[in-house]
Amino acid sequence: MSGTDTGTTASTGTDASSGSGSGRTGRKIVLWRHGQTAWNLERRFQGSTDIELTETGVAQARRAARLLASLKPDAIVASDLRRAAHTAAELAVVTGLAVQHDEALRETYAGEWQGLTHDEILAKYGEQYAAWKRGEPVRRGGGELETEVADRAAPVVLRHADRLPQGGTLVVVSHGGTIRTTIGRLLGLDSYHWEGLGGLSNCCWSVLGEGARGWRLMEHNAGTLPEPVLGDDD
Protein backbone atom coordinates (compact mmCIF):
# COMPACT_ATOMS: atom_id res chain seq x y z
CA MET A 1 0.00 0.00 0.00
CA SER A 2 3.01 2.26 0.00
CA GLY A 3 2.38 5.48 -1.84
CA THR A 4 -1.34 4.86 -2.25
CA ASP A 5 -4.41 6.73 -1.04
CA THR A 6 -7.00 4.28 0.22
CA GLY A 7 -9.74 6.86 0.49
CA THR A 8 -10.53 5.63 4.00
CA THR A 9 -11.76 8.30 6.38
CA ALA A 10 -12.59 8.41 10.03
CA SER A 11 -16.15 8.61 11.21
CA THR A 12 -16.80 12.13 12.40
CA GLY A 13 -19.13 10.97 15.13
CA THR A 14 -16.45 9.19 17.19
CA ASP A 15 -13.68 10.16 19.56
CA ALA A 16 -11.22 8.86 16.95
CA SER A 17 -11.87 11.90 14.79
CA SER A 18 -11.41 14.36 17.64
CA GLY A 19 -10.42 17.75 16.32
CA SER A 20 -11.79 17.21 12.81
CA GLY A 21 -14.64 19.60 13.49
CA SER A 22 -12.42 22.32 14.90
CA GLY A 23 -12.02 24.12 11.59
CA ARG A 24 -8.35 23.12 11.40
CA THR A 25 -7.56 20.79 8.53
CA GLY A 26 -4.45 19.82 6.65
CA ARG A 27 -2.68 18.44 9.72
CA LYS A 28 -0.65 15.26 9.26
CA ILE A 29 0.37 12.42 11.55
CA VAL A 30 3.42 10.37 10.52
CA LEU A 31 3.50 7.03 12.38
CA TRP A 32 7.07 5.74 12.15
CA ARG A 33 8.16 2.25 13.17
CA HIS A 34 11.52 1.82 14.92
CA GLY A 35 14.64 0.44 13.25
CA GLN A 36 15.81 -3.14 13.17
CA THR A 37 16.60 -5.12 16.33
CA ALA A 38 18.26 -8.52 16.82
CA TRP A 39 14.90 -9.97 17.85
CA ASN A 40 13.36 -8.75 14.59
CA LEU A 41 15.99 -10.75 12.71
CA GLU A 42 15.28 -13.82 14.84
CA ARG A 43 11.49 -13.42 14.36
CA ARG A 44 11.24 -13.27 18.13
CA PHE A 45 8.15 -11.60 19.63
CA GLN A 46 9.38 -8.45 21.37
CA GLY A 47 6.21 -6.93 22.80
CA SER A 48 7.09 -4.61 25.66
CA THR A 49 10.56 -6.15 26.14
CA ASP A 50 13.12 -3.35 25.91
CA ILE A 51 15.41 -4.38 23.03
CA GLU A 52 18.10 -2.14 21.52
CA LEU A 53 18.63 -1.33 17.84
CA THR A 54 21.23 -3.18 15.80
CA GLU A 55 23.86 -1.21 13.88
CA THR A 56 21.67 -1.68 10.81
CA GLY A 57 18.71 -0.33 12.78
CA VAL A 58 20.64 2.81 13.69
CA ALA A 59 21.61 3.31 10.04
CA GLN A 60 17.97 2.84 9.01
CA ALA A 61 16.89 5.46 11.53
CA ARG A 62 19.48 7.97 10.31
CA ARG A 63 18.48 7.54 6.67
CA ALA A 64 14.75 7.82 7.43
CA ALA A 65 15.30 10.81 9.72
CA ARG A 66 16.91 12.77 6.89
CA LEU A 67 13.86 12.11 4.73
CA LEU A 68 11.28 12.86 7.39
CA ALA A 69 13.06 16.08 8.40
CA SER A 70 12.19 17.49 4.98
CA LEU A 71 8.51 17.34 6.01
CA LYS A 72 9.36 20.00 8.63
CA PRO A 73 7.62 18.30 11.55
CA ASP A 74 6.31 20.47 14.36
CA ALA A 75 6.57 17.84 17.11
CA ILE A 76 7.93 14.36 17.85
CA VAL A 77 6.44 11.93 20.36
CA ALA A 78 7.81 8.43 20.93
CA SER A 79 7.50 5.24 22.91
CA ASP A 80 9.97 5.17 25.79
CA LEU A 81 11.31 1.72 24.81
CA ARG A 82 14.90 2.06 23.61
CA ARG A 83 14.36 0.88 20.05
CA ALA A 84 11.75 3.60 19.47
CA ALA A 85 13.40 6.27 21.62
CA HIS A 86 16.73 5.91 19.80
CA THR A 87 15.00 5.98 16.42
CA ALA A 88 13.25 9.21 17.42
CA ALA A 89 16.55 10.66 18.64
CA GLU A 90 17.93 10.54 15.10
CA LEU A 91 15.10 12.77 13.90
CA ALA A 92 15.62 15.10 16.85
CA VAL A 93 19.26 15.57 15.84
CA VAL A 94 18.42 16.77 12.33
CA THR A 95 15.33 18.84 13.25
CA GLY A 96 16.38 20.34 16.58
CA LEU A 97 13.04 19.27 18.08
CA ALA A 98 12.76 17.76 21.54
CA VAL A 99 11.26 14.27 21.77
CA GLN A 100 8.41 13.70 24.18
CA HIS A 101 8.29 10.10 25.42
CA ASP A 102 5.14 8.30 26.48
CA GLU A 103 4.90 4.70 27.73
CA ALA A 104 1.36 4.52 26.30
CA LEU A 105 3.00 4.20 22.87
CA ARG A 106 4.80 0.97 23.80
CA GLU A 107 4.26 -2.22 21.84
CA THR A 108 1.55 -4.69 22.85
CA TYR A 109 2.29 -6.55 26.06
CA ALA A 110 2.06 -10.23 25.09
CA GLY A 111 2.87 -12.03 28.33
CA GLU A 112 4.25 -15.53 27.75
CA TRP A 113 4.67 -14.94 24.02
CA GLN A 114 7.40 -12.37 24.60
CA GLY A 115 10.85 -13.69 23.80
CA LEU A 116 9.51 -16.66 21.82
CA THR A 117 10.21 -17.13 18.11
CA HIS A 118 7.35 -17.41 15.63
CA ASP A 119 7.84 -21.18 15.42
CA GLU A 120 7.86 -21.52 19.20
CA ILE A 121 4.60 -19.59 19.47
CA LEU A 122 2.98 -21.86 16.88
CA ALA A 123 4.19 -24.95 18.73
CA LYS A 124 3.11 -23.84 22.22
CA TYR A 125 0.14 -21.59 21.50
CA GLY A 126 -1.08 -22.78 18.10
CA GLU A 127 -4.82 -22.49 18.78
CA GLN A 128 -4.43 -19.10 20.43
CA TYR A 129 -2.45 -17.90 17.44
CA ALA A 130 -5.05 -19.27 15.01
CA ALA A 131 -7.89 -17.57 16.92
CA TRP A 132 -6.02 -14.27 16.79
CA LYS A 133 -5.51 -14.64 13.03
CA ARG A 134 -9.24 -15.35 12.66
CA GLY A 135 -9.90 -11.93 14.14
CA GLU A 136 -11.09 -13.07 17.55
CA PRO A 137 -10.22 -10.91 20.59
CA VAL A 138 -7.26 -12.81 22.06
CA ARG A 139 -4.99 -12.00 24.98
CA ARG A 140 -1.86 -13.31 23.34
CA GLY A 141 0.25 -14.97 26.02
CA GLY A 142 -2.15 -13.58 28.62
CA GLY A 143 -1.34 -10.00 27.62
CA GLU A 144 -3.26 -7.07 26.14
CA LEU A 145 -6.10 -7.12 23.66
CA GLU A 146 -5.45 -5.11 20.51
CA THR A 147 -8.37 -2.86 21.41
CA GLU A 148 -6.70 -2.12 24.76
CA VAL A 149 -3.52 -1.09 22.94
CA ALA A 150 -5.57 1.32 20.84
CA ASP A 151 -7.34 2.56 23.98
CA ARG A 152 -4.02 3.71 25.46
CA ALA A 153 -2.14 4.80 22.33
CA ALA A 154 -4.70 6.57 20.14
CA PRO A 155 -5.65 9.23 22.74
CA VAL A 156 -1.95 10.15 23.13
CA VAL A 157 -1.57 10.60 19.38
CA LEU A 158 -4.74 12.71 19.17
CA ARG A 159 -3.73 14.84 22.14
CA HIS A 160 -0.45 15.76 20.47
CA ALA A 161 -2.11 16.22 17.08
CA ASP A 162 -4.59 18.65 18.62
CA ARG A 163 -1.67 20.90 19.58
CA LEU A 164 -0.53 21.25 15.97
CA PRO A 165 -1.11 24.43 13.99
CA GLN A 166 -3.19 24.24 10.84
CA GLY A 167 -1.19 22.27 8.30
CA GLY A 168 1.21 21.05 11.00
CA THR A 169 2.91 17.64 11.15
CA LEU A 170 3.35 15.29 14.11
CA VAL A 171 5.80 12.38 13.99
CA VAL A 172 4.91 9.44 16.25
CA VAL A 173 7.70 6.88 16.74
CA SER A 174 6.32 3.58 17.93
CA HIS A 175 5.98 -0.13 17.13
CA GLY A 176 4.33 -2.15 14.38
CA GLY A 177 1.39 -3.52 16.32
CA THR A 178 0.71 -0.29 18.18
CA ILE A 179 0.84 1.73 14.97
CA ARG A 180 -1.55 -0.64 13.19
CA THR A 181 -4.12 -0.57 15.99
CA THR A 182 -3.82 3.21 16.33
CA ILE A 183 -4.39 3.72 12.62
CA GLY A 184 -7.42 1.45 12.75
CA ARG A 185 -8.86 3.39 15.65
CA LEU A 186 -8.24 6.81 14.09
CA LEU A 187 -9.85 5.70 10.83
CA GLY A 188 -12.89 4.43 12.70
CA LEU A 189 -12.43 0.86 11.45
CA ASP A 190 -13.90 -2.09 13.32
CA SER A 191 -11.11 -3.94 15.14
CA TYR A 192 -11.75 -7.08 13.07
CA HIS A 193 -10.39 -5.22 10.03
CA TRP A 194 -7.22 -3.81 11.61
CA GLU A 195 -5.16 -6.79 10.46
CA GLY A 196 -6.08 -5.87 6.88
CA LEU A 197 -3.89 -2.78 7.13
CA GLY A 198 -0.80 -4.97 6.94
CA GLY A 199 2.48 -4.59 8.79
CA LEU A 200 5.24 -2.01 8.63
CA SER A 201 8.84 -2.78 7.74
CA ASN A 202 11.54 -1.55 10.09
CA CYS A 203 11.88 2.24 9.92
CA CYS A 204 9.00 2.65 7.47
CA TRP A 205 6.02 4.85 8.22
CA SER A 206 2.37 5.56 7.53
CA VAL A 207 0.84 9.00 7.03
CA LEU A 208 -2.62 10.13 8.13
CA GLY A 209 -3.95 13.41 6.77
CA GLU A 210 -6.82 15.40 8.21
CA GLY A 211 -9.65 16.50 5.97
CA ALA A 212 -13.16 17.81 6.45
CA ARG A 213 -14.48 14.36 7.41
CA GLY A 214 -11.67 13.25 9.70
CA TRP A 215 -8.43 11.32 9.36
CA ARG A 216 -7.54 9.66 6.08
CA LEU A 217 -4.82 7.12 5.28
CA MET A 218 -2.51 8.74 2.74
CA GLU A 219 0.56 6.46 2.86
CA HIS A 220 1.19 3.04 4.40
CA ASN A 221 4.48 1.20 4.92
CA ALA A 222 6.31 3.93 3.03
CA GLY A 223 10.06 4.36 2.86
CA THR A 224 10.09 7.38 0.59
CA LEU A 225 8.46 10.77 0.96
CA PRO A 226 4.74 11.05 0.17
CA GLU A 227 3.77 12.19 -3.31
CA PRO A 228 0.58 14.14 -4.06
CA VAL A 229 -2.32 11.98 -5.22
CA LEU A 230 -3.32 13.21 -8.67
CA GLY A 231 -6.48 12.06 -10.40
CA ASP A 232 -7.16 9.10 -8.10
CA ASP A 233 -10.65 8.70 -9.62
CA ASP A 234 -9.30 8.43 -13.18
C-alpha atoms as a PDB file:
ATOM      1  CA  MET A   1       0.000   0.000   0.000  1.00  0.00           C
ATOM      2  CA  SER A   2       3.014   2.262   0.004  1.00  0.00           C
ATOM      3  CA  GLY A   3       2.381   5.485  -1.841  1.00  0.00           C
ATOM      4  CA  THR A   4      -1.341   4.864  -2.250  1.00  0.00           C
ATOM      5  CA  ASP A   5      -4.405   6.731  -1.044  1.00  0.00           C
ATOM      6  CA  THR A   6      -6.998   4.281   0.222  1.00  0.00           C
ATOM      7  CA  GLY A   7      -9.739   6.856   0.491  1.00  0.00           C
ATOM      8  CA  THR A   8     -10.529   5.631   4.003  1.00  0.00           C
ATOM      9  CA  THR A   9     -11.765   8.302   6.376  1.00  0.00           C
ATOM     10  CA  ALA A  10     -12.591   8.412  10.034  1.00  0.00           C
ATOM     11  CA  SER A  11     -16.152   8.609  11.213  1.00  0.00           C
ATOM     12  CA  THR A  12     -16.799  12.130  12.398  1.00  0.00           C
ATOM     13  CA  GLY A  13     -19.127  10.967  15.135  1.00  0.00           C
ATOM     14  CA  THR A  14     -16.449   9.193  17.192  1.00  0.00           C
ATOM     15  CA  ASP A  15     -13.682  10.162  19.559  1.00  0.00           C
ATOM     16  CA  ALA A  16     -11.225   8.864  16.946  1.00  0.00           C
ATOM     17  CA  SER A  17     -11.866  11.904  14.793  1.00  0.00           C
ATOM     18  CA  SER A  18     -11.409  14.361  17.639  1.00  0.00           C
ATOM     19  CA  GLY A  19     -10.416  17.745  16.321  1.00  0.00           C
ATOM     20  CA  SER A  20     -11.786  17.208  12.810  1.00  0.00           C
ATOM     21  CA  GLY A  21     -14.638  19.600  13.486  1.00  0.00           C
ATOM     22  CA  SER A  22     -12.420  22.315  14.903  1.00  0.00           C
ATOM     23  CA  GLY A  23     -12.024  24.118  11.592  1.00  0.00           C
ATOM     24  CA  ARG A  24      -8.348  23.118  11.401  1.00  0.00           C
ATOM     25  CA  THR A  25      -7.562  20.792   8.530  1.00  0.00           C
ATOM     26  CA  GLY A  26      -4.450  19.823   6.652  1.00  0.00           C
ATOM     27  CA  ARG A  27      -2.677  18.445   9.719  1.00  0.00           C
ATOM     28  CA  LYS A  28      -0.646  15.259   9.257  1.00  0.00           C
ATOM     29  CA  ILE A  29       0.371  12.416  11.554  1.00  0.00           C
ATOM     30  CA  VAL A  30       3.417  10.367  10.520  1.00  0.00           C
ATOM     31  CA  LEU A  31       3.499   7.034  12.382  1.00  0.00           C
ATOM     32  CA  TRP A  32       7.070   5.736  12.148  1.00  0.00           C
ATOM     33  CA  ARG A  33       8.156   2.253  13.172  1.00  0.00           C
ATOM     34  CA  HIS A  34      11.516   1.821  14.917  1.00  0.00           C
ATOM     35  CA  GLY A  35      14.636   0.443  13.245  1.00  0.00           C
ATOM     36  CA  GLN A  36      15.806  -3.143  13.171  1.00  0.00           C
ATOM     37  CA  THR A  37      16.602  -5.123  16.333  1.00  0.00           C
ATOM     38  CA  ALA A  38      18.256  -8.520  16.823  1.00  0.00           C
ATOM     39  CA  TRP A  39      14.896  -9.974  17.851  1.00  0.00           C
ATOM     40  CA  ASN A  40      13.360  -8.751  14.592  1.00  0.00           C
ATOM     41  CA  LEU A  41      15.989 -10.746  12.713  1.00  0.00           C
ATOM     42  CA  GLU A  42      15.277 -13.819  14.843  1.00  0.00           C
ATOM     43  CA  ARG A  43      11.495 -13.419  14.358  1.00  0.00           C
ATOM     44  CA  ARG A  44      11.239 -13.268  18.132  1.00  0.00           C
ATOM     45  CA  PHE A  45       8.147 -11.599  19.633  1.00  0.00           C
ATOM     46  CA  GLN A  46       9.376  -8.448  21.368  1.00  0.00           C
ATOM     47  CA  GLY A  47       6.207  -6.933  22.800  1.00  0.00           C
ATOM     48  CA  SER A  48       7.086  -4.612  25.660  1.00  0.00           C
ATOM     49  CA  THR A  49      10.557  -6.153  26.143  1.00  0.00           C
ATOM     50  CA  ASP A  50      13.124  -3.345  25.912  1.00  0.00           C
ATOM     51  CA  ILE A  51      15.406  -4.377  23.025  1.00  0.00           C
ATOM     52  CA  GLU A  52      18.099  -2.135  21.523  1.00  0.00           C
ATOM     53  CA  LEU A  53      18.625  -1.325  17.838  1.00  0.00           C
ATOM     54  CA  THR A  54      21.226  -3.176  15.802  1.00  0.00           C
ATOM     55  CA  GLU A  55      23.861  -1.213  13.882  1.00  0.00           C
ATOM     56  CA  THR A  56      21.670  -1.684  10.814  1.00  0.00           C
ATOM     57  CA  GLY A  57      18.713  -0.332  12.784  1.00  0.00           C
ATOM     58  CA  VAL A  58      20.645   2.809  13.693  1.00  0.00           C
ATOM     59  CA  ALA A  59      21.608   3.311  10.045  1.00  0.00           C
ATOM     60  CA  GLN A  60      17.972   2.845   9.011  1.00  0.00           C
ATOM     61  CA  ALA A  61      16.889   5.464  11.534  1.00  0.00           C
ATOM     62  CA  ARG A  62      19.483   7.973  10.311  1.00  0.00           C
ATOM     63  CA  ARG A  63      18.479   7.542   6.674  1.00  0.00           C
ATOM     64  CA  ALA A  64      14.752   7.816   7.432  1.00  0.00           C
ATOM     65  CA  ALA A  65      15.302  10.811   9.720  1.00  0.00           C
ATOM     66  CA  ARG A  66      16.914  12.773   6.888  1.00  0.00           C
ATOM     67  CA  LEU A  67      13.862  12.109   4.725  1.00  0.00           C
ATOM     68  CA  LEU A  68      11.278  12.861   7.390  1.00  0.00           C
ATOM     69  CA  ALA A  69      13.060  16.076   8.404  1.00  0.00           C
ATOM     70  CA  SER A  70      12.192  17.492   4.985  1.00  0.00           C
ATOM     71  CA  LEU A  71       8.510  17.342   6.012  1.00  0.00           C
ATOM     72  CA  LYS A  72       9.365  20.000   8.625  1.00  0.00           C
ATOM     73  CA  PRO A  73       7.617  18.297  11.546  1.00  0.00           C
ATOM     74  CA  ASP A  74       6.305  20.470  14.357  1.00  0.00           C
ATOM     75  CA  ALA A  75       6.573  17.837  17.110  1.00  0.00           C
ATOM     76  CA  ILE A  76       7.925  14.360  17.850  1.00  0.00           C
ATOM     77  CA  VAL A  77       6.439  11.927  20.356  1.00  0.00           C
ATOM     78  CA  ALA A  78       7.814   8.426  20.927  1.00  0.00           C
ATOM     79  CA  SER A  79       7.500   5.240  22.907  1.00  0.00           C
ATOM     80  CA  ASP A  80       9.969   5.165  25.790  1.00  0.00           C
ATOM     81  CA  LEU A  81      11.309   1.717  24.812  1.00  0.00           C
ATOM     82  CA  ARG A  82      14.897   2.063  23.609  1.00  0.00           C
ATOM     83  CA  ARG A  83      14.359   0.881  20.048  1.00  0.00           C
ATOM     84  CA  ALA A  84      11.746   3.602  19.472  1.00  0.00           C
ATOM     85  CA  ALA A  85      13.404   6.274  21.618  1.00  0.00           C
ATOM     86  CA  HIS A  86      16.733   5.905  19.803  1.00  0.00           C
ATOM     87  CA  THR A  87      14.999   5.978  16.416  1.00  0.00           C
ATOM     88  CA  ALA A  88      13.251   9.208  17.423  1.00  0.00           C
ATOM     89  CA  ALA A  89      16.547  10.658  18.639  1.00  0.00           C
ATOM     90  CA  GLU A  90      17.932  10.538  15.099  1.00  0.00           C
ATOM     91  CA  LEU A  91      15.104  12.770  13.900  1.00  0.00           C
ATOM     92  CA  ALA A  92      15.625  15.096  16.854  1.00  0.00           C
ATOM     93  CA  VAL A  93      19.260  15.567  15.836  1.00  0.00           C
ATOM     94  CA  VAL A  94      18.422  16.769  12.331  1.00  0.00           C
ATOM     95  CA  THR A  95      15.330  18.844  13.251  1.00  0.00           C
ATOM     96  CA  GLY A  96      16.376  20.339  16.584  1.00  0.00           C
ATOM     97  CA  LEU A  97      13.040  19.268  18.085  1.00  0.00           C
ATOM     98  CA  ALA A  98      12.759  17.762  21.544  1.00  0.00           C
ATOM     99  CA  VAL A  99      11.264  14.267  21.765  1.00  0.00           C
ATOM    100  CA  GLN A 100       8.407  13.700  24.180  1.00  0.00           C
ATOM    101  CA  HIS A 101       8.291  10.099  25.418  1.00  0.00           C
ATOM    102  CA  ASP A 102       5.136   8.296  26.483  1.00  0.00           C
ATOM    103  CA  GLU A 103       4.899   4.704  27.728  1.00  0.00           C
ATOM    104  CA  ALA A 104       1.359   4.516  26.299  1.00  0.00           C
ATOM    105  CA  LEU A 105       3.001   4.201  22.866  1.00  0.00           C
ATOM    106  CA  ARG A 106       4.801   0.971  23.798  1.00  0.00           C
ATOM    107  CA  GLU A 107       4.265  -2.225  21.841  1.00  0.00           C
ATOM    108  CA  THR A 108       1.548  -4.690  22.848  1.00  0.00           C
ATOM    109  CA  TYR A 109       2.290  -6.555  26.064  1.00  0.00           C
ATOM    110  CA  ALA A 110       2.056 -10.235  25.093  1.00  0.00           C
ATOM    111  CA  GLY A 111       2.870 -12.033  28.332  1.00  0.00           C
ATOM    112  CA  GLU A 112       4.249 -15.532  27.749  1.00  0.00           C
ATOM    113  CA  TRP A 113       4.668 -14.939  24.021  1.00  0.00           C
ATOM    114  CA  GLN A 114       7.395 -12.369  24.605  1.00  0.00           C
ATOM    115  CA  GLY A 115      10.849 -13.693  23.797  1.00  0.00           C
ATOM    116  CA  LEU A 116       9.509 -16.656  21.815  1.00  0.00           C
ATOM    117  CA  THR A 117      10.209 -17.128  18.112  1.00  0.00           C
ATOM    118  CA  HIS A 118       7.352 -17.410  15.631  1.00  0.00           C
ATOM    119  CA  ASP A 119       7.837 -21.181  15.418  1.00  0.00           C
ATOM    120  CA  GLU A 120       7.859 -21.523  19.204  1.00  0.00           C
ATOM    121  CA  ILE A 121       4.598 -19.586  19.465  1.00  0.00           C
ATOM    122  CA  LEU A 122       2.979 -21.859  16.878  1.00  0.00           C
ATOM    123  CA  ALA A 123       4.193 -24.952  18.733  1.00  0.00           C
ATOM    124  CA  LYS A 124       3.110 -23.841  22.218  1.00  0.00           C
ATOM    125  CA  TYR A 125       0.135 -21.591  21.500  1.00  0.00           C
ATOM    126  CA  GLY A 126      -1.075 -22.779  18.104  1.00  0.00           C
ATOM    127  CA  GLU A 127      -4.818 -22.490  18.782  1.00  0.00           C
ATOM    128  CA  GLN A 128      -4.430 -19.104  20.433  1.00  0.00           C
ATOM    129  CA  TYR A 129      -2.454 -17.897  17.436  1.00  0.00           C
ATOM    130  CA  ALA A 130      -5.051 -19.271  15.014  1.00  0.00           C
ATOM    131  CA  ALA A 131      -7.885 -17.574  16.922  1.00  0.00           C
ATOM    132  CA  TRP A 132      -6.021 -14.266  16.794  1.00  0.00           C
ATOM    133  CA  LYS A 133      -5.506 -14.637  13.033  1.00  0.00           C
ATOM    134  CA  ARG A 134      -9.243 -15.352  12.658  1.00  0.00           C
ATOM    135  CA  GLY A 135      -9.903 -11.927  14.138  1.00  0.00           C
ATOM    136  CA  GLU A 136     -11.089 -13.075  17.549  1.00  0.00           C
ATOM    137  CA  PRO A 137     -10.224 -10.911  20.591  1.00  0.00           C
ATOM    138  CA  VAL A 138      -7.264 -12.807  22.057  1.00  0.00           C
ATOM    139  CA  ARG A 139      -4.992 -11.996  24.975  1.00  0.00           C
ATOM    140  CA  ARG A 140      -1.857 -13.314  23.339  1.00  0.00           C
ATOM    141  CA  GLY A 141       0.252 -14.968  26.019  1.00  0.00           C
ATOM    142  CA  GLY A 142      -2.146 -13.575  28.618  1.00  0.00           C
ATOM    143  CA  GLY A 143      -1.336  -9.996  27.616  1.00  0.00           C
ATOM    144  CA  GLU A 144      -3.258  -7.071  26.144  1.00  0.00           C
ATOM    145  CA  LEU A 145      -6.102  -7.116  23.664  1.00  0.00           C
ATOM    146  CA  GLU A 146      -5.451  -5.113  20.508  1.00  0.00           C
ATOM    147  CA  THR A 147      -8.369  -2.856  21.414  1.00  0.00           C
ATOM    148  CA  GLU A 148      -6.696  -2.123  24.758  1.00  0.00           C
ATOM    149  CA  VAL A 149      -3.522  -1.090  22.945  1.00  0.00           C
ATOM    150  CA  ALA A 150      -5.575   1.321  20.840  1.00  0.00           C
ATOM    151  CA  ASP A 151      -7.343   2.561  23.976  1.00  0.00           C
ATOM    152  CA  ARG A 152      -4.016   3.706  25.456  1.00  0.00           C
ATOM    153  CA  ALA A 153      -2.141   4.795  22.328  1.00  0.00           C
ATOM    154  CA  ALA A 154      -4.701   6.565  20.136  1.00  0.00           C
ATOM    155  CA  PRO A 155      -5.646   9.232  22.735  1.00  0.00           C
ATOM    156  CA  VAL A 156      -1.951  10.151  23.134  1.00  0.00           C
ATOM    157  CA  VAL A 157      -1.574  10.602  19.380  1.00  0.00           C
ATOM    158  CA  LEU A 158      -4.736  12.706  19.174  1.00  0.00           C
ATOM    159  CA  ARG A 159      -3.729  14.844  22.141  1.00  0.00           C
ATOM    160  CA  HIS A 160      -0.445  15.756  20.475  1.00  0.00           C
ATOM    161  CA  ALA A 161      -2.110  16.221  17.083  1.00  0.00           C
ATOM    162  CA  ASP A 162      -4.593  18.646  18.616  1.00  0.00           C
ATOM    163  CA  ARG A 163      -1.674  20.904  19.579  1.00  0.00           C
ATOM    164  CA  LEU A 164      -0.532  21.255  15.973  1.00  0.00           C
ATOM    165  CA  PRO A 165      -1.107  24.426  13.990  1.00  0.00           C
ATOM    166  CA  GLN A 166      -3.189  24.242  10.836  1.00  0.00           C
ATOM    167  CA  GLY A 167      -1.195  22.267   8.304  1.00  0.00           C
ATOM    168  CA  GLY A 168       1.211  21.052  11.004  1.00  0.00           C
ATOM    169  CA  THR A 169       2.912  17.641  11.149  1.00  0.00           C
ATOM    170  CA  LEU A 170       3.346  15.289  14.109  1.00  0.00           C
ATOM    171  CA  VAL A 171       5.802  12.375  13.991  1.00  0.00           C
ATOM    172  CA  VAL A 172       4.908   9.439  16.250  1.00  0.00           C
ATOM    173  CA  VAL A 173       7.704   6.885  16.739  1.00  0.00           C
ATOM    174  CA  SER A 174       6.319   3.580  17.928  1.00  0.00           C
ATOM    175  CA  HIS A 175       5.979  -0.127  17.133  1.00  0.00           C
ATOM    176  CA  GLY A 176       4.334  -2.150  14.378  1.00  0.00           C
ATOM    177  CA  GLY A 177       1.392  -3.518  16.324  1.00  0.00           C
ATOM    178  CA  THR A 178       0.706  -0.292  18.179  1.00  0.00           C
ATOM    179  CA  ILE A 179       0.842   1.728  14.972  1.00  0.00           C
ATOM    180  CA  ARG A 180      -1.549  -0.638  13.192  1.00  0.00           C
ATOM    181  CA  THR A 181      -4.121  -0.569  15.988  1.00  0.00           C
ATOM    182  CA  THR A 182      -3.820   3.213  16.333  1.00  0.00           C
ATOM    183  CA  ILE A 183      -4.390   3.725  12.616  1.00  0.00           C
ATOM    184  CA  GLY A 184      -7.417   1.449  12.750  1.00  0.00           C
ATOM    185  CA  ARG A 185      -8.861   3.387  15.654  1.00  0.00           C
ATOM    186  CA  LEU A 186      -8.238   6.814  14.092  1.00  0.00           C
ATOM    187  CA  LEU A 187      -9.847   5.702  10.833  1.00  0.00           C
ATOM    188  CA  GLY A 188     -12.895   4.434  12.698  1.00  0.00           C
ATOM    189  CA  LEU A 189     -12.426   0.856  11.446  1.00  0.00           C
ATOM    190  CA  ASP A 190     -13.901  -2.090  13.317  1.00  0.00           C
ATOM    191  CA  SER A 191     -11.113  -3.938  15.137  1.00  0.00           C
ATOM    192  CA  TYR A 192     -11.750  -7.084  13.066  1.00  0.00           C
ATOM    193  CA  HIS A 193     -10.391  -5.216  10.027  1.00  0.00           C
ATOM    194  CA  TRP A 194      -7.219  -3.807  11.609  1.00  0.00           C
ATOM    195  CA  GLU A 195      -5.162  -6.788  10.463  1.00  0.00           C
ATOM    196  CA  GLY A 196      -6.084  -5.866   6.880  1.00  0.00           C
ATOM    197  CA  LEU A 197      -3.893  -2.780   7.127  1.00  0.00           C
ATOM    198  CA  GLY A 198      -0.801  -4.967   6.945  1.00  0.00           C
ATOM    199  CA  GLY A 199       2.477  -4.588   8.789  1.00  0.00           C
ATOM    200  CA  LEU A 200       5.235  -2.011   8.627  1.00  0.00           C
ATOM    201  CA  SER A 201       8.838  -2.782   7.742  1.00  0.00           C
ATOM    202  CA  ASN A 202      11.542  -1.545  10.090  1.00  0.00           C
ATOM    203  CA  CYS A 203      11.881   2.241   9.920  1.00  0.00           C
ATOM    204  CA  CYS A 204       9.003   2.651   7.473  1.00  0.00           C
ATOM    205  CA  TRP A 205       6.019   4.854   8.222  1.00  0.00           C
ATOM    206  CA  SER A 206       2.368   5.561   7.527  1.00  0.00           C
ATOM    207  CA  VAL A 207       0.836   9.000   7.031  1.00  0.00           C
ATOM    208  CA  LEU A 208      -2.620  10.134   8.126  1.00  0.00           C
ATOM    209  CA  GLY A 209      -3.946  13.410   6.767  1.00  0.00           C
ATOM    210  CA  GLU A 210      -6.816  15.402   8.206  1.00  0.00           C
ATOM    211  CA  GLY A 211      -9.649  16.499   5.972  1.00  0.00           C
ATOM    212  CA  ALA A 212     -13.161  17.807   6.453  1.00  0.00           C
ATOM    213  CA  ARG A 213     -14.479  14.355   7.408  1.00  0.00           C
ATOM    214  CA  GLY A 214     -11.675  13.253   9.697  1.00  0.00           C
ATOM    215  CA  TRP A 215      -8.430  11.320   9.364  1.00  0.00           C
ATOM    216  CA  ARG A 216      -7.538   9.664   6.075  1.00  0.00           C
ATOM    217  CA  LEU A 217      -4.823   7.121   5.282  1.00  0.00           C
ATOM    218  CA  MET A 218      -2.506   8.745   2.740  1.00  0.00           C
ATOM    219  CA  GLU A 219       0.562   6.463   2.858  1.00  0.00           C
ATOM    220  CA  HIS A 220       1.187   3.041   4.400  1.00  0.00           C
ATOM    221  CA  ASN A 221       4.483   1.199   4.922  1.00  0.00           C
ATOM    222  CA  ALA A 222       6.309   3.930   3.029  1.00  0.00           C
ATOM    223  CA  GLY A 223      10.062   4.364   2.865  1.00  0.00           C
ATOM    224  CA  THR A 224      10.092   7.382   0.592  1.00  0.00           C
ATOM    225  CA  LEU A 225       8.462  10.766   0.961  1.00  0.00           C
ATOM    226  CA  PRO A 226       4.736  11.049   0.174  1.00  0.00           C
ATOM    227  CA  GLU A 227       3.773  12.189  -3.310  1.00  0.00           C
ATOM    228  CA  PRO A 228       0.582  14.138  -4.056  1.00  0.00           C
ATOM    229  CA  VAL A 229      -2.325  11.983  -5.217  1.00  0.00           C
ATOM    230  CA  LEU A 230      -3.315  13.209  -8.668  1.00  0.00           C
ATOM    231  CA  GLY A 231      -6.483  12.058 -10.397  1.00  0.00           C
ATOM    232  CA  ASP A 232      -7.160   9.105  -8.102  1.00  0.00           C
ATOM    233  CA  ASP A 233     -10.650   8.696  -9.622  1.00  0.00           C
ATOM    234  CA  ASP A 234      -9.300   8.427 -13.182  1.00  0.00           C
END
